[in-house]
Amino acid sequence: QVRLVESGGGSVQPGGSLRLSCAASGSIASYYVMAWYRQAPGEQREFIAASTSGGITNYADSVKGRFTISRDNAKNTVYLQMNSLKPEDTAVYYCKYQPIGAPGNYWGQGTQVTVSS
């Protein structure tokens, strides 16, 4: 079992920044992908960014150049630095842990991000 705890959400004005954190604990694999998704009201959950144990990162086009995913493998923690936030970034943000070469996905509880003037 793996437990994910997210933090760092909140309210910010357009153009502002927030940094989300997601700490994983439990039976952590040696190699794994950690990713961020978001879900706005009435919308499907969408992929935002991912990071592999080898340092490969991937982003949705909607956040490229504004969001940066990073991780601290020693702490089993992934971060999402969000800059130049827009009202359309408003959503609940979730992190996901996926071991490489083993079954199972785990999700965090979500953290609300609201961008509004």
C-alpha atoms as a PDB file:
ATOM      1  CA  GLN A   1       0.000   0.000   0.000  1.00  0.00           C
ATOM      2  CA  VAL A   2       1.069   3.551  -0.775  1.00  0.00           C
ATOM      3  CA  ARG A   3      -0.313   6.702   0.804  1.00  0.00           C
ATOM      4  CA  LEU A   4      -0.111  10.077  -0.896  1.00  0.00           C
ATOM      5  CA  VAL A   5      -0.551  13.348   0.974  1.00  0.00           C
ATOM      6  CA  GLU A   6      -0.887  16.556  -1.016  1.00  0.00           C
ATOM      7  CA  SER A   7      -0.470  20.087   0.242  1.00  0.00           C
ATOM      8  CA  GLY A   8       0.021  23.615  -1.012  1.00  0.00           C
ATOM      9  CA  GLY A   9      -3.307  24.439  -2.613  1.00  0.00           C
ATOM     10  CA  GLY A  10      -5.121  27.685  -2.027  1.00  0.00           C
ATOM     11  CA  SER A  11      -6.475  30.828  -3.614  1.00  0.00           C
ATOM     12  CA  VAL A  12      -4.396  33.158  -5.748  1.00  0.00           C
ATOM     13  CA  GLN A  13      -4.966  36.029  -8.144  1.00  0.00           C
ATOM     14  CA  PRO A  14      -4.383  35.626 -11.887  1.00  0.00           C
ATOM     15  CA  GLY A  15      -0.686  35.813 -12.641  1.00  0.00           C
ATOM     16  CA  GLY A  16       0.226  34.468  -9.227  1.00  0.00           C
ATOM     17  CA  SER A  17       2.095  31.337  -8.215  1.00  0.00           C
ATOM     18  CA  LEU A  18       1.545  28.310  -6.042  1.00  0.00           C
ATOM     19  CA  ARG A  19       3.650  25.265  -5.219  1.00  0.00           C
ATOM     20  CA  LEU A  20       1.995  21.928  -4.618  1.00  0.00           C
ATOM     21  CA  SER A  21       3.662  19.036  -2.811  1.00  0.00           C
ATOM     22  CA  CYS A  22       2.810  15.349  -2.736  1.00  0.00           C
ATOM     23  CA  ALA A  23       4.564  13.028  -0.314  1.00  0.00           C
ATOM     24  CA  ALA A  24       4.378   9.277  -0.806  1.00  0.00           C
ATOM     25  CA  SER A  25       4.775   6.782   2.003  1.00  0.00           C
ATOM     26  CA  GLY A  26       4.428   3.033   2.426  1.00  0.00           C
ATOM     27  CA  SER A  27       5.687   0.355   0.050  1.00  0.00           C
ATOM     28  CA  ILE A  28       7.487   2.586  -2.442  1.00  0.00           C
ATOM     29  CA  ALA A  29       9.002   0.894  -5.488  1.00  0.00           C
ATOM     30  CA  SER A  30      12.557   1.553  -6.601  1.00  0.00           C
ATOM     31  CA  TYR A  31      11.300   2.970  -9.884  1.00  0.00           C
ATOM     32  CA  TYR A  32       8.059   4.836 -10.238  1.00  0.00           C
ATOM     33  CA  VAL A  33       6.254   7.623 -12.000  1.00  0.00           C
ATOM     34  CA  MET A  34       4.638  10.445 -10.094  1.00  0.00           C
ATOM     35  CA  ALA A  35       2.196  12.660 -11.883  1.00  0.00           C
ATOM     36  CA  TRP A  36      -0.200  15.516 -11.355  1.00  0.00           C
ATOM     37  CA  TYR A  37      -3.743  15.636 -12.668  1.00  0.00           C
ATOM     38  CA  ARG A  38      -6.526  18.127 -12.160  1.00  0.00           C
ATOM     39  CA  GLN A  39     -10.292  18.101 -12.301  1.00  0.00           C
ATOM     40  CA  ALA A  40     -12.457  21.165 -12.701  1.00  0.00           C
ATOM     41  CA  PRO A  41     -16.165  21.102 -11.778  1.00  0.00           C
ATOM     42  CA  GLY A  42     -18.157  19.253 -14.413  1.00  0.00           C
ATOM     43  CA  GLU A  43     -15.014  18.218 -16.267  1.00  0.00           C
ATOM     44  CA  GLN A  44     -13.042  15.007 -16.577  1.00  0.00           C
ATOM     45  CA  ARG A  45      -9.793  14.585 -14.745  1.00  0.00           C
ATOM     46  CA  GLU A  46      -6.935  15.652 -16.997  1.00  0.00           C
ATOM     47  CA  PHE A  47      -3.219  14.984 -17.063  1.00  0.00           C
ATOM     48  CA  ILE A  48      -0.939  17.896 -16.158  1.00  0.00           C
ATOM     49  CA  ALA A  49       2.609  16.661 -15.706  1.00  0.00           C
ATOM     50  CA  ALA A  50       4.628  13.563 -14.884  1.00  0.00           C
ATOM     51  CA  SER A  51       8.116  12.715 -13.685  1.00  0.00           C
ATOM     52  CA  THR A  52       9.909   9.379 -13.803  1.00  0.00           C
ATOM     53  CA  SER A  53      12.562   8.079 -11.448  1.00  0.00           C
ATOM     54  CA  GLY A  54      15.079   8.621 -14.255  1.00  0.00           C
ATOM     55  CA  GLY A  55      14.272  12.308 -14.456  1.00  0.00           C
ATOM     56  CA  ILE A  56      12.124  12.315 -17.578  1.00  0.00           C
ATOM     57  CA  THR A  57       9.320  14.853 -17.433  1.00  0.00           C
ATOM     58  CA  ASN A  58       6.230  15.375 -19.548  1.00  0.00           C
ATOM     59  CA  TYR A  59       3.666  18.174 -19.596  1.00  0.00           C
ATOM     60  CA  ALA A  60       0.252  18.904 -20.995  1.00  0.00           C
ATOM     61  CA  ASP A  61       0.341  21.611 -23.642  1.00  0.00           C
ATOM     62  CA  SER A  62      -1.937  23.784 -21.526  1.00  0.00           C
ATOM     63  CA  VAL A  63       0.709  24.193 -18.809  1.00  0.00           C
ATOM     64  CA  LYS A  64       3.996  24.020 -20.710  1.00  0.00           C
ATOM     65  CA  GLY A  65       6.214  26.961 -19.860  1.00  0.00           C
ATOM     66  CA  ARG A  66       4.155  27.831 -16.764  1.00  0.00           C
ATOM     67  CA  PHE A  67       4.267  24.706 -14.587  1.00  0.00           C
ATOM     68  CA  THR A  68       7.321  22.749 -13.502  1.00  0.00           C
ATOM     69  CA  ILE A  69       7.299  19.299 -11.975  1.00  0.00           C
ATOM     70  CA  SER A  70      10.194  18.217  -9.792  1.00  0.00           C
ATOM     71  CA  ARG A  71      10.859  15.491  -7.276  1.00  0.00           C
ATOM     72  CA  ASP A  72      12.999  14.614  -4.311  1.00  0.00           C
ATOM     73  CA  ASN A  73      13.549  10.877  -4.524  1.00  0.00           C
ATOM     74  CA  ALA A  74      15.096  10.738  -1.061  1.00  0.00           C
ATOM     75  CA  LYS A  75      11.837  12.095   0.355  1.00  0.00           C
ATOM     76  CA  ASN A  76       9.539  10.325  -2.134  1.00  0.00           C
ATOM     77  CA  THR A  77       8.022  13.708  -2.799  1.00  0.00           C
ATOM     78  CA  VAL A  78       6.937  15.386  -6.006  1.00  0.00           C
ATOM     79  CA  TYR A  79       6.319  19.088  -6.440  1.00  0.00           C
ATOM     80  CA  LEU A  80       4.398  21.177  -8.919  1.00  0.00           C
ATOM     81  CA  GLN A  81       5.497  24.788  -9.234  1.00  0.00           C
ATOM     82  CA  MET A  82       2.705  26.733 -10.898  1.00  0.00           C
ATOM     83  CA  ASN A  83       3.447  30.189 -12.243  1.00  0.00           C
ATOM     84  CA  SER A  84       1.430  32.661 -14.294  1.00  0.00           C
ATOM     85  CA  LEU A  85      -1.759  31.076 -13.048  1.00  0.00           C
ATOM     86  CA  LYS A  86      -4.963  31.653 -14.962  1.00  0.00           C
ATOM     87  CA  PRO A  87      -8.609  31.374 -13.898  1.00  0.00           C
ATOM     88  CA  GLU A  88      -8.888  28.278 -16.090  1.00  0.00           C
ATOM     89  CA  ASP A  89      -6.294  26.577 -13.883  1.00  0.00           C
ATOM     90  CA  THR A  90      -8.905  26.465 -11.124  1.00  0.00           C
ATOM     91  CA  ALA A  91      -9.464  22.812 -10.204  1.00  0.00           C
ATOM     92  CA  VAL A  92      -8.803  20.139  -7.650  1.00  0.00           C
ATOM     93  CA  TYR A  93      -5.255  18.898  -8.196  1.00  0.00           C
ATOM     94  CA  TYR A  94      -4.398  15.251  -7.583  1.00  0.00           C
ATOM     95  CA  CYS A  95      -1.103  13.444  -7.526  1.00  0.00           C
ATOM     96  CA  LYS A  96      -0.722   9.875  -8.709  1.00  0.00           C
ATOM     97  CA  TYR A  97       1.904   7.269  -7.947  1.00  0.00           C
ATOM     98  CA  GLN A  98       2.507   4.456 -10.419  1.00  0.00           C
ATOM     99  CA  PRO A  99       5.246   1.860  -9.890  1.00  0.00           C
ATOM    100  CA  ILE A 100       7.185   0.841 -12.984  1.00  0.00           C
ATOM    101  CA  GLY A 101       7.018  -2.891 -13.663  1.00  0.00           C
ATOM    102  CA  ALA A 102       4.415  -3.538 -10.992  1.00  0.00           C
ATOM    103  CA  PRO A 103       0.639  -3.215 -10.902  1.00  0.00           C
ATOM    104  CA  GLY A 104      -1.369  -0.531  -9.205  1.00  0.00           C
ATOM    105  CA  ASN A 105      -1.985   3.184  -9.206  1.00  0.00           C
ATOM    106  CA  TYR A 106      -2.485   5.290  -6.126  1.00  0.00           C
ATOM    107  CA  TRP A 107      -4.099   8.702  -5.876  1.00  0.00           C
ATOM    108  CA  GLY A 108      -3.892  11.470  -3.332  1.00  0.00           C
ATOM    109  CA  GLN A 109      -6.943  13.077  -1.780  1.00  0.00           C
ATOM    110  CA  GLY A 110      -6.679  16.224  -3.900  1.00  0.00           C
ATOM    111  CA  THR A 111      -5.979  19.839  -3.102  1.00  0.00           C
ATOM    112  CA  GLN A 112      -8.056  22.786  -4.295  1.00  0.00           C
ATOM    113  CA  VAL A 113      -6.474  25.522  -6.400  1.00  0.00           C
ATOM    114  CA  THR A 114      -8.575  28.601  -7.085  1.00  0.00           C
ATOM    115  CA  VAL A 115      -7.413  31.394  -9.381  1.00  0.00           C
ATOM    116  CA  SER A 116      -9.631  34.421  -9.169  1.00  0.00           C
ATOM    117  CA  SER A 117      -9.455  38.172  -8.911  1.00  0.00           C
END
